[in-house]
Amino acid sequence: MIDFFHGVNPFQLRLSHIGMFNHYFRSIIMHTHLNPDLELLHMRAGEHFKQTSNNSFMPHLSLLYSNLDLIRKKQLMESMAIGSPLILTIQEAALVETQGDPDQWREIVRIPFS
């Protein structure tokens, strides 16, 4: 179905540190170190979906979606005891339709890496 995943093998991501933003979808996140596998997938997906963006690519693991104020987010962030560096093995990708609120999102397809 989505050919830009063809030939992708599972790969590891190293998460580095916790951060927070004043955005609903990036309230509290764990930043990832740059990774050539993930950058290649990002480039292929952009080409496949004909996306052009002025936003810089900032891969991360979202820990919290919220509209909390920054003081409360900072309190939550400081209370999290997540060891660093943390390494995750990425074995598949999912394409998700993100219209509406997160509880309305739906998975279109899940693709295991070879």
Protein backbone atom coordinates (compact mmCIF):
# COMPACT_ATOMS: atom_id res chain seq x y z
CA MET A 1 0.00 0.00 0.00
CA ILE A 2 2.60 2.58 1.02
CA ASP A 3 5.77 1.78 -0.84
CA PHE A 4 8.07 4.23 0.93
CA PHE A 5 8.28 1.74 3.81
CA HIS A 6 9.63 -0.98 1.50
CA GLY A 7 12.99 -2.30 2.62
CA VAL A 8 12.95 -0.57 6.01
CA ASN A 9 14.32 -2.71 8.82
CA PRO A 10 13.60 -2.22 12.52
CA PHE A 11 15.86 0.45 13.97
CA GLN A 12 16.69 1.95 17.32
CA LEU A 13 15.89 5.43 18.54
CA ARG A 14 17.71 7.03 21.42
CA LEU A 15 15.59 9.36 23.49
CA SER A 16 17.56 12.09 25.18
CA HIS A 17 15.72 14.45 27.52
CA ILE A 18 12.29 15.66 28.54
CA GLY A 19 11.02 18.97 27.20
CA MET A 20 7.80 20.94 27.21
CA PHE A 21 6.09 23.34 24.87
CA ASN A 22 3.05 25.57 24.92
CA HIS A 23 1.34 23.38 22.31
CA TYR A 24 -1.43 20.84 22.90
CA PHE A 25 0.32 18.10 20.90
CA ARG A 26 3.78 18.78 22.36
CA SER A 27 2.92 19.51 25.97
CA ILE A 28 5.56 17.21 27.44
CA ILE A 29 7.84 15.21 25.16
CA MET A 30 11.05 13.21 25.08
CA HIS A 31 13.41 14.46 22.41
CA THR A 32 15.15 11.91 20.18
CA HIS A 33 18.68 12.02 18.93
CA LEU A 34 19.00 12.44 15.18
CA ASN A 35 18.69 9.10 13.43
CA PRO A 36 19.40 8.43 9.74
CA ASP A 37 16.66 5.77 9.48
CA LEU A 38 14.01 8.10 10.83
CA GLU A 39 15.23 11.01 8.71
CA LEU A 40 15.04 8.81 5.59
CA LEU A 41 11.46 7.77 6.42
CA HIS A 42 10.53 11.41 7.00
CA MET A 43 11.98 12.40 3.62
CA ARG A 44 10.26 9.51 1.81
CA ALA A 45 6.91 10.28 3.46
CA GLY A 46 7.19 13.95 2.50
CA GLU A 47 7.86 12.99 -1.11
CA HIS A 48 5.09 10.37 -1.16
CA PHE A 49 2.46 12.73 0.25
CA LYS A 50 3.87 15.72 -1.65
CA GLN A 51 4.30 17.67 1.58
CA THR A 52 6.31 20.83 1.75
CA SER A 53 6.79 22.37 5.13
CA ASN A 54 8.80 25.21 6.58
CA ASN A 55 8.69 23.48 9.96
CA SER A 56 11.87 21.78 11.02
CA PHE A 57 11.71 18.05 11.63
CA MET A 58 11.64 17.46 15.40
CA PRO A 59 11.18 13.77 16.11
CA HIS A 60 10.00 13.10 19.64
CA LEU A 61 7.90 10.83 21.82
CA SER A 62 4.83 12.63 23.14
CA LEU A 63 4.28 11.96 26.83
CA LEU A 64 1.34 14.31 27.35
CA TYR A 65 -1.19 16.11 25.19
CA SER A 66 -2.77 18.91 27.22
CA ASN A 67 -3.75 22.54 27.48
CA LEU A 68 -2.30 22.85 30.98
CA ASP A 69 -0.53 26.07 31.85
CA LEU A 70 3.27 26.07 31.69
CA ILE A 71 3.69 26.11 35.48
CA ARG A 72 1.66 22.89 35.86
CA LYS A 73 3.46 21.28 32.92
CA LYS A 74 6.80 22.13 34.49
CA GLN A 75 5.69 20.55 37.78
CA LEU A 76 4.63 17.39 35.95
CA MET A 77 7.81 17.30 33.87
CA GLU A 78 10.00 17.64 36.94
CA SER A 79 8.12 14.82 38.70
CA MET A 80 8.78 12.31 35.90
CA ALA A 81 11.56 9.86 36.67
CA ILE A 82 12.51 8.64 33.22
CA GLY A 83 16.04 7.37 32.81
CA SER A 84 18.14 8.83 30.08
CA PRO A 85 19.29 7.81 27.58
CA LEU A 86 16.39 5.55 26.78
CA ILE A 87 16.59 3.33 23.68
CA LEU A 88 13.52 2.10 21.82
CA THR A 89 13.37 -0.36 18.92
CA ILE A 90 10.99 0.82 16.22
CA GLN A 91 9.50 -2.24 14.51
CA GLU A 92 6.54 -0.79 12.64
CA ALA A 93 4.86 2.37 11.46
CA ALA A 94 1.23 3.40 11.60
CA LEU A 95 -0.56 5.86 9.37
CA VAL A 96 -3.22 7.68 11.39
CA GLU A 97 -5.98 10.05 10.26
CA THR A 98 -5.78 12.91 12.79
CA GLN A 99 -8.92 14.90 12.05
CA GLY A 100 -10.69 16.13 15.17
CA ASP A 101 -9.77 15.40 18.77
CA PRO A 102 -7.39 12.51 19.58
CA ASP A 103 -10.29 10.26 20.61
CA GLN A 104 -11.60 10.63 17.03
CA TRP A 105 -8.33 9.67 15.34
CA ARG A 106 -8.31 6.40 13.45
CA GLU A 107 -5.57 4.12 12.27
CA ILE A 108 -5.52 3.69 8.51
CA VAL A 109 -2.79 1.09 8.20
CA ARG A 110 -0.03 -0.47 10.31
CA ILE A 111 3.11 -1.58 8.47
CA PRO A 112 5.66 -3.89 10.11
CA PHE A 113 9.26 -3.29 9.07
CA SER A 114 10.96 -6.22 7.33
